[in-house]
Protein backbone atom coordinates (compact mmCIF):
# COMPACT_ATOMS: atom_id res chain seq x y z
CA MET A 1 -0.48 63.25 78.78
CA ASP A 2 0.27 66.71 77.39
CA ILE A 3 -0.10 66.21 73.64
CA SER A 4 -1.17 63.36 71.36
CA VAL A 5 0.01 63.02 67.76
CA VAL A 6 -2.51 61.05 65.69
CA ILE A 7 -1.29 59.44 62.46
CA PRO A 8 -3.82 57.66 60.21
CA ALA A 9 -1.90 55.14 58.10
CA PHE A 10 -2.48 52.73 55.24
CA ASN A 11 0.55 50.79 53.94
CA ARG A 12 3.50 53.09 53.00
CA VAL A 13 5.60 51.75 55.87
CA ASP A 14 8.83 53.55 55.03
CA LEU A 15 7.16 56.96 54.89
CA LEU A 16 5.23 56.16 58.08
CA ARG A 17 8.43 55.27 59.92
CA ALA A 18 9.89 58.66 58.99
CA SER A 19 6.73 60.38 60.27
CA VAL A 20 6.86 58.48 63.56
CA GLY A 21 10.57 59.21 63.78
CA SER A 22 9.86 62.93 63.49
CA VAL A 23 7.42 62.62 66.39
CA LEU A 24 10.06 60.84 68.45
CA VAL A 25 12.59 63.60 67.80
CA ALA A 26 10.01 66.29 68.61
CA ALA A 27 9.05 64.46 71.82
CA GLY A 28 12.68 64.48 72.91
CA ARG A 29 12.93 68.21 72.27
CA ALA A 30 9.63 68.86 74.10
CA ALA A 31 10.79 67.61 77.52
CA PRO A 32 9.43 67.73 80.15
CA LEU A 33 6.18 67.48 78.16
CA ARG A 34 4.63 64.03 77.88
CA VAL A 35 3.97 63.03 74.26
CA GLU A 36 2.06 60.06 72.87
CA CYS A 37 1.96 58.97 69.24
CA VAL A 38 -1.22 57.15 68.18
CA VAL A 39 -0.91 55.37 64.83
CA VAL A 40 -4.22 54.12 63.42
CA ASP A 41 -3.63 51.28 60.96
CA ASP A 42 -6.58 51.64 58.60
CA GLY A 43 -6.66 48.05 57.39
CA SER A 44 -3.23 47.96 55.74
CA ASP A 45 -2.48 44.91 53.61
CA SER A 46 -0.09 43.73 56.31
CA PRO A 47 -0.36 44.92 59.93
CA LEU A 48 1.86 47.92 60.58
CA GLU A 49 2.57 47.29 64.25
CA PRO A 50 5.36 44.72 63.75
CA ARG A 51 7.19 47.20 61.50
CA LEU A 52 7.11 49.84 64.23
CA GLY A 53 8.30 47.70 67.14
CA ASP A 54 11.84 49.11 67.19
CA LEU A 55 10.46 52.65 67.20
CA ARG A 56 8.10 51.85 70.06
CA ALA A 57 11.09 50.78 72.13
CA ARG A 58 12.64 54.20 71.60
CA PHE A 59 9.60 56.02 73.03
CA ALA A 60 10.90 55.96 76.59
CA PRO A 61 8.49 56.97 79.38
CA PRO A 62 6.80 59.36 79.82
CA HIS A 63 6.32 59.14 76.03
CA CYS A 64 4.62 56.25 74.28
CA LEU A 65 3.71 54.86 70.86
CA ARG A 66 0.40 53.03 70.41
CA VAL A 67 -0.86 51.30 67.25
CA ILE A 68 -4.59 50.73 66.76
CA ARG A 69 -5.68 48.52 63.86
CA GLN A 70 -9.15 48.80 62.33
CA ALA A 71 -10.94 47.57 59.23
CA ASN A 72 -10.38 49.91 56.32
CA ALA A 73 -12.71 52.89 56.69
CA GLY A 74 -10.72 55.76 55.19
CA SER A 75 -8.31 58.29 56.62
CA SER A 76 -11.04 60.51 58.11
CA ALA A 77 -12.48 57.63 60.11
CA ALA A 78 -8.96 56.60 61.14
CA ARG A 79 -8.27 60.15 62.28
CA MET A 80 -11.44 60.10 64.39
CA THR A 81 -10.49 56.73 65.88
CA GLY A 82 -7.18 58.22 66.93
CA LEU A 83 -8.85 61.32 68.35
CA HIS A 84 -11.23 59.28 70.48
CA ASN A 85 -8.37 57.14 71.78
CA ALA A 86 -6.02 60.03 72.47
CA ASN A 87 -5.22 61.10 76.04
CA GLY A 88 -3.42 64.39 75.49
CA GLU A 89 -4.64 67.82 76.52
CA PHE A 90 -3.78 68.83 72.94
CA VAL A 91 -3.94 66.89 69.69
CA GLN A 92 -1.80 67.15 66.56
CA PHE A 93 -2.82 65.32 63.38
CA LEU A 94 -0.06 64.13 61.06
CA ASP A 95 -0.40 62.38 57.70
CA SER A 96 1.73 59.28 57.33
CA ASP A 97 3.92 60.88 54.68
CA ASP A 98 4.62 64.21 56.40
CA LEU A 99 6.91 65.33 59.23
CA LEU A 100 6.95 67.47 62.34
CA HIS A 101 9.71 69.98 62.88
CA PRO A 102 11.66 69.00 66.04
CA ASP A 103 10.41 72.12 67.86
CA LYS A 104 6.76 71.99 66.75
CA LEU A 105 5.16 70.27 69.73
CA ALA A 106 6.96 72.28 72.38
CA ALA A 107 6.30 75.58 70.60
CA HIS A 108 2.57 74.94 70.14
CA VAL A 109 1.91 73.71 73.67
CA ARG A 110 3.80 76.63 75.15
CA ALA A 111 1.89 79.17 73.03
CA MET A 112 -1.51 77.60 73.73
CA ARG A 113 -0.95 77.47 77.47
CA GLU A 114 0.27 81.05 77.54
CA THR A 115 -2.73 82.36 75.56
CA GLY A 116 -5.44 79.88 76.55
CA ALA A 117 -6.07 79.26 72.84
CA GLU A 118 -8.15 76.33 71.64
CA LEU A 119 -6.36 76.37 68.27
CA SER A 120 -2.84 77.18 67.15
CA TYR A 121 -1.10 77.08 63.80
CA CYS A 122 2.33 77.69 62.29
CA ASP A 123 4.10 78.36 59.02
CA GLN A 124 4.77 75.59 56.50
CA ALA A 125 7.70 74.11 54.58
CA THR A 126 8.39 71.41 52.01
CA THR A 127 11.37 69.06 51.89
CA ARG A 128 12.67 65.88 50.30
CA PRO A 129 12.23 62.49 52.00
CA TYR A 130 14.68 61.81 54.82
CA ASP A 131 14.93 59.81 58.04
CA PRO A 132 14.74 62.14 61.06
CA LEU A 133 16.28 59.49 63.33
CA ASN A 134 19.24 58.35 61.23
CA ASP A 135 20.13 61.09 58.75
CA ALA A 136 22.84 63.33 60.15
CA HIS A 137 21.47 66.45 58.51
CA GLU A 138 18.03 67.54 57.43
CA PRO A 139 17.98 68.22 53.66
CA PRO A 140 17.56 71.82 52.53
CA ARG A 141 13.99 73.08 52.50
CA LEU A 142 12.51 73.17 49.03
CA SER A 143 10.18 75.99 49.98
CA GLU A 144 8.73 77.84 52.96
CA LYS A 145 5.34 79.51 53.27
CA VAL A 146 4.68 82.15 55.91
CA LEU A 147 0.99 82.16 56.80
CA PRO A 148 -0.82 85.39 57.67
CA ALA A 149 -1.86 86.18 61.21
CA VAL A 150 -5.56 85.43 61.73
CA GLY A 151 -7.86 85.66 64.72
CA THR A 152 -10.63 83.16 63.99
CA ALA A 153 -10.99 79.52 63.02
CA ALA A 154 -12.97 80.58 59.92
CA GLU A 155 -10.12 82.77 58.69
CA LEU A 156 -7.65 79.93 59.13
CA PHE A 157 -9.64 77.01 57.80
CA ILE A 158 -11.65 78.67 55.01
CA GLY A 159 -9.60 81.74 54.18
CA VAL A 160 -6.02 80.48 54.55
CA GLN A 161 -6.67 76.73 54.06
CA THR A 162 -3.67 75.24 55.82
CA ALA A 163 -1.84 71.96 55.39
CA PRO A 164 -3.44 69.21 57.50
CA HIS A 165 -0.61 69.04 60.05
CA THR A 166 -0.30 72.80 60.52
CA PRO A 167 -2.85 73.25 63.35
CA VAL A 168 -2.85 71.92 66.91
CA PHE A 169 -6.17 71.63 68.75
CA ARG A 170 -7.17 71.61 72.37
CA ARG A 171 -8.63 68.10 72.44
CA ALA A 172 -11.73 68.84 74.55
CA ALA A 173 -12.70 71.72 72.26
CA LEU A 174 -12.25 69.59 69.14
CA LEU A 175 -14.32 66.72 70.53
CA ALA A 176 -17.11 69.16 71.39
CA ALA A 177 -17.02 70.68 67.88
CA LEU A 178 -17.26 67.27 66.22
CA ALA A 179 -19.95 65.87 68.52
CA ASN A 180 -22.66 67.27 66.21
CA PRO A 181 -20.87 68.35 63.04
CA LEU A 182 -22.41 70.68 60.47
CA VAL A 183 -21.19 68.34 57.75
CA PRO A 184 -22.00 64.77 58.83
CA PRO A 185 -19.18 62.27 58.22
CA SER A 186 -19.34 60.16 55.08
CA ARG A 187 -16.88 58.21 53.01
CA VAL A 188 -18.06 60.28 50.05
CA PHE A 189 -15.94 63.08 51.54
CA GLU A 190 -13.00 60.78 52.24
CA PRO A 191 -10.45 62.13 49.76
CA ALA A 192 -11.08 65.61 51.20
CA GLY A 193 -11.06 64.54 54.83
CA ASP A 194 -8.99 67.53 55.89
CA THR A 195 -11.58 69.87 54.36
CA TRP A 196 -14.31 68.01 56.23
CA LEU A 197 -12.46 68.41 59.54
CA PHE A 198 -11.55 72.05 59.02
CA PHE A 199 -15.00 73.18 57.83
CA ASN A 200 -16.62 71.52 60.82
CA CYS A 201 -14.35 73.63 63.03
CA ALA A 202 -14.70 76.86 61.07
CA THR A 203 -17.66 78.31 62.98
CA GLN A 204 -16.21 77.65 66.42
CA PRO A 205 -15.61 80.79 68.54
CA TRP A 206 -12.14 79.58 69.47
CA ARG A 207 -9.20 81.66 70.54
CA VAL A 208 -6.50 81.28 67.89
CA CYS A 209 -2.77 81.90 68.18
CA LYS A 210 0.00 81.71 65.63
CA VAL A 211 3.36 80.05 66.30
CA SER A 212 5.88 81.67 63.96
CA GLY A 213 8.19 79.28 62.16
CA PRO A 214 7.91 76.61 59.42
CA PHE A 215 7.15 73.76 61.83
CA ALA A 216 4.72 71.82 59.56
CA VAL A 217 6.88 69.98 57.02
CA THR A 218 5.37 68.44 53.89
CA VAL A 219 7.46 65.77 52.17
CA CYS A 220 7.63 65.78 48.37
CA HIS A 221 7.89 62.14 47.37
CA ASP A 222 7.16 59.89 44.39
CA ASP A 223 4.79 57.45 46.11
CA GLU A 224 1.21 57.57 44.92
CA HIS A 225 -0.98 60.03 46.78
CA LEU A 226 -4.38 61.62 46.26
CA SER A 227 -3.10 64.92 44.92
CA MET A 228 -1.93 63.04 41.82
CA LYS A 229 -5.62 62.82 40.86
CA TRP A 230 -6.73 66.31 41.73
CA GLU A 231 -10.29 65.79 40.48
CA LYS A 232 -10.84 63.17 43.19
CA LEU A 233 -9.88 65.80 45.75
CA GLY A 234 -11.81 68.63 44.12
CA VAL A 235 -15.16 66.88 43.85
CA PRO A 236 -15.47 65.83 47.51
CA ALA A 237 -14.12 69.23 48.59
CA LEU A 238 -16.96 70.86 46.64
CA ALA A 239 -19.41 68.42 48.22
CA VAL A 240 -18.22 69.45 51.70
CA THR A 241 -18.54 73.10 50.67
CA LEU A 242 -22.12 72.64 49.44
CA VAL A 243 -23.26 70.82 52.57
CA PHE A 244 -21.60 73.45 54.76
CA ALA A 245 -23.27 76.24 52.77
CA LEU A 246 -26.69 74.61 53.10
CA ARG A 247 -26.49 73.57 56.75
CA CYS A 248 -24.58 76.48 58.30
CA PRO A 249 -26.99 78.57 60.42
CA GLN A 250 -27.79 81.91 58.79
CA THR A 251 -26.92 83.97 61.85
CA PRO A 252 -24.81 87.07 62.46
CA GLU A 253 -22.28 84.88 64.29
CA THR A 254 -21.63 82.79 61.16
CA ARG A 255 -21.74 85.62 58.60
CA ALA A 256 -17.97 86.03 58.43
CA ALA A 257 -17.48 82.29 57.86
CA ARG A 258 -20.14 82.25 55.14
CA ALA A 259 -18.58 85.27 53.42
CA LEU A 260 -15.17 83.60 53.51
CA LEU A 261 -16.72 80.46 52.03
CA GLY A 262 -18.11 82.47 49.12
CA ALA A 263 -14.79 84.19 48.48
CA ALA A 264 -12.91 80.85 48.62
CA ALA A 265 -15.39 79.28 46.18
CA PHE A 266 -14.94 82.23 43.84
CA GLN A 267 -11.17 81.84 43.87
CA SER A 268 -11.57 78.11 43.20
CA TYR A 269 -13.82 78.87 40.24
CA ARG A 270 -11.25 81.26 38.79
CA ARG A 271 -8.55 78.56 38.93
CA LEU A 272 -10.57 75.81 37.23
CA PRO A 273 -9.36 74.71 33.79
CA ARG A 274 -11.55 75.52 30.83
CA ARG A 275 -14.17 72.94 29.86
CA PHE A 276 -13.71 71.02 33.09
CA HIS A 277 -17.25 70.08 34.16
CA ALA A 278 -20.24 72.34 33.56
CA GLU A 279 -22.18 71.53 36.72
CA TYR A 280 -19.10 71.59 38.94
CA GLU A 281 -18.29 75.04 37.58
CA ARG A 282 -21.87 76.30 37.98
CA LEU A 283 -22.19 75.14 41.57
CA THR A 284 -18.77 76.48 42.58
CA LEU A 285 -19.70 79.92 41.30
CA ALA A 286 -23.19 79.63 42.81
CA VAL A 287 -21.69 79.22 46.29
CA TYR A 288 -20.12 82.65 45.88
CA GLN A 289 -23.25 84.18 44.35
CA THR A 290 -25.46 82.98 47.22
CA SER A 291 -23.07 83.80 50.08
CA PRO A 292 -22.67 87.14 51.88
CA THR A 293 -20.52 89.33 49.65
CA ASP A 294 -18.53 91.03 52.37
CA ALA A 295 -15.14 90.44 50.74
CA PRO A 296 -13.77 93.49 48.88
CA ARG A 297 -13.24 92.94 45.17
CA ALA A 298 -9.52 93.37 45.76
CA HIS A 299 -9.65 90.07 47.70
CA LEU A 300 -11.24 88.30 44.72
CA GLY A 301 -8.54 89.16 42.19
CA GLY A 302 -5.84 91.56 41.09
CA ARG A 303 -6.04 94.94 39.41
CA ARG A 304 -7.06 93.58 36.02
CA PHE A 305 -9.88 91.63 37.58
CA ALA A 306 -10.99 94.60 39.69
CA ARG A 307 -11.19 96.88 36.63
CA LEU A 308 -13.14 94.33 34.63
CA ALA A 309 -15.41 93.48 37.58
CA SER A 310 -16.31 97.15 37.99
CA VAL A 311 -17.82 97.02 34.50
CA LEU A 312 -19.11 93.44 34.18
CA GLY A 313 -19.55 92.37 37.79
CA PRO A 314 -17.38 89.74 39.51
CA ALA A 315 -19.02 86.63 38.03
CA ARG A 316 -18.92 87.74 34.39
CA ALA A 317 -15.41 89.12 34.83
CA ALA A 318 -14.26 85.75 36.18
CA ARG A 319 -15.81 83.94 33.22
CA VAL A 320 -14.07 86.23 30.75
CA LEU A 321 -10.66 86.00 32.42
CA ARG A 322 -10.80 82.21 32.68
CA ARG A 323 -10.90 82.04 28.89
CA PHE A 324 -7.50 83.72 28.72
CA GLN A 325 -5.81 82.76 31.98
CA CYS A 326 -6.73 79.07 32.40
CA GLY A 327 -5.62 76.25 30.17
CA PRO A 328 -7.95 73.56 28.86
CA TYR A 329 -8.85 70.60 31.04
CA SER A 330 -7.34 68.24 28.47
CA ARG A 331 -3.87 69.39 29.56
CA CYS A 332 -4.30 68.52 33.24
CA ARG A 333 -6.78 65.62 33.16
CA THR A 334 -5.87 62.72 35.44
CA ILE A 335 -9.09 60.66 35.15
CA ASP A 336 -11.34 60.06 32.17
CA ARG A 337 -14.65 61.83 31.63
CA GLU A 338 -16.76 58.81 32.57
CA GLU A 339 -15.00 58.43 35.91
CA LEU A 340 -15.25 62.16 36.60
CA ASP A 341 -18.99 62.14 35.90
CA ASP A 342 -19.45 59.12 38.14
CA VAL A 343 -17.49 60.65 41.04
CA PHE A 344 -19.33 63.95 40.68
CA GLY A 345 -22.76 62.35 40.38
CA ARG A 346 -22.32 60.24 43.51
CA ALA A 347 -21.04 63.21 45.48
CA LEU A 348 -23.85 65.52 44.42
CA ARG A 349 -26.55 62.98 45.12
CA HIS A 350 -25.09 62.59 48.61
CA VAL A 351 -25.16 66.36 49.12
CA ILE A 352 -28.85 66.43 48.21
CA ALA A 353 -29.62 63.43 50.42
CA VAL A 354 -27.91 65.03 53.42
CA SER A 355 -29.15 68.59 52.93
CA GLY A 356 -32.57 67.98 51.40
CA ARG A 357 -33.73 68.46 47.83
CA GLU A 358 -35.87 71.51 48.59
CA PRO A 359 -33.13 73.57 50.32
CA PHE A 360 -30.68 72.57 47.61
CA GLU A 361 -32.93 73.66 44.75
CA ALA A 362 -34.00 76.83 46.55
CA ARG A 363 -30.38 77.96 46.77
CA PHE A 364 -28.65 76.41 43.78
CA GLY A 365 -31.45 75.49 41.37
CA ARG A 366 -32.24 72.11 39.93
CA SER A 367 -29.22 70.10 38.90
CA PRO A 368 -29.26 67.90 35.77
CA VAL A 369 -27.16 65.41 37.73
CA GLN A 370 -30.25 64.62 39.79
CA LEU A 371 -31.92 63.28 36.65
CA ALA A 372 -29.01 61.68 34.86
CA PRO A 373 -25.95 59.86 36.21
CA ALA A 374 -23.58 61.93 34.11
CA LEU A 375 -23.29 65.41 32.70
CA VAL A 376 -20.76 65.74 29.95
CA GLY A 377 -19.17 68.99 28.86
CA GLY A 378 -17.87 72.13 30.46
CA ALA A 379 -18.45 75.83 30.53
């Protein structure tokens, strides 16, 4: 098998069928490559396989569609189940509400075989929901995003931060990278499963190639998805960041990745709404302050920031500008304060349990969340 497309799925059958349909179209365009689609049913309320039977019949040899059902364990665990059951030389992950461009699989496999790369990536696009198998015409793209050319996994996964279905991996290299991950798997990280996967690949010395073209297509739809409650994505993403920062070897080989982590944390801090969560804000900024500061100030902000940072320093400049550039949390809140404190407290206690209290406090100081289940207020 040349390439495996792994789709973790939970309910949302109509969107899933469109995703599988996009794989079927891409498989047809990829001939003579052999393509398999592995759908992992993560304990859906009703089994998904019967709803995909007609699509399975359309995957004519040498292509195939397999459905694996497991007890609900979260999308990250479902993704890993699919990876371990995949047979392809390469593996493409695809969320159950997104699509592949018809030329994506062929373009990535061709580029990776020509360059010997372990990792490839492409540009991105957004579109409205449609059926790749039955709609006569693809709807107009809502937007396209051209990603910069990068040469390392760290630049792609920490610096650029791609959509989850943008990269394609050489399967053997990915399995080796995840055999002993820097950030151990946990359902605490589940809403930020893509961050967990990407950060665990960020220090790999892989050859990387870019495939030009918006071949990773994100569908803008009205069904409920995690990004509707951004705090539940942000908290586990910070937890992954903290564990990575604490467990990443402090070696010359990882310095670039650690510097990129600090710069990414700094940019995240600058975007946070005012009075969001004091300890979340402190720790996000602390990741930057305790990481190698190799990034030029121009990479941390625009001209206004650079001028202010030259006088106040980057951290103080960021605090000042947030007061004027960021709106209050009350305008973008999607969960109440009690739920936010609970989510944050559980995540932080897991970070300390995984990384050790002493290393955590040596780098980030003692957190009030260790003593109390909630910390109310914001900076």
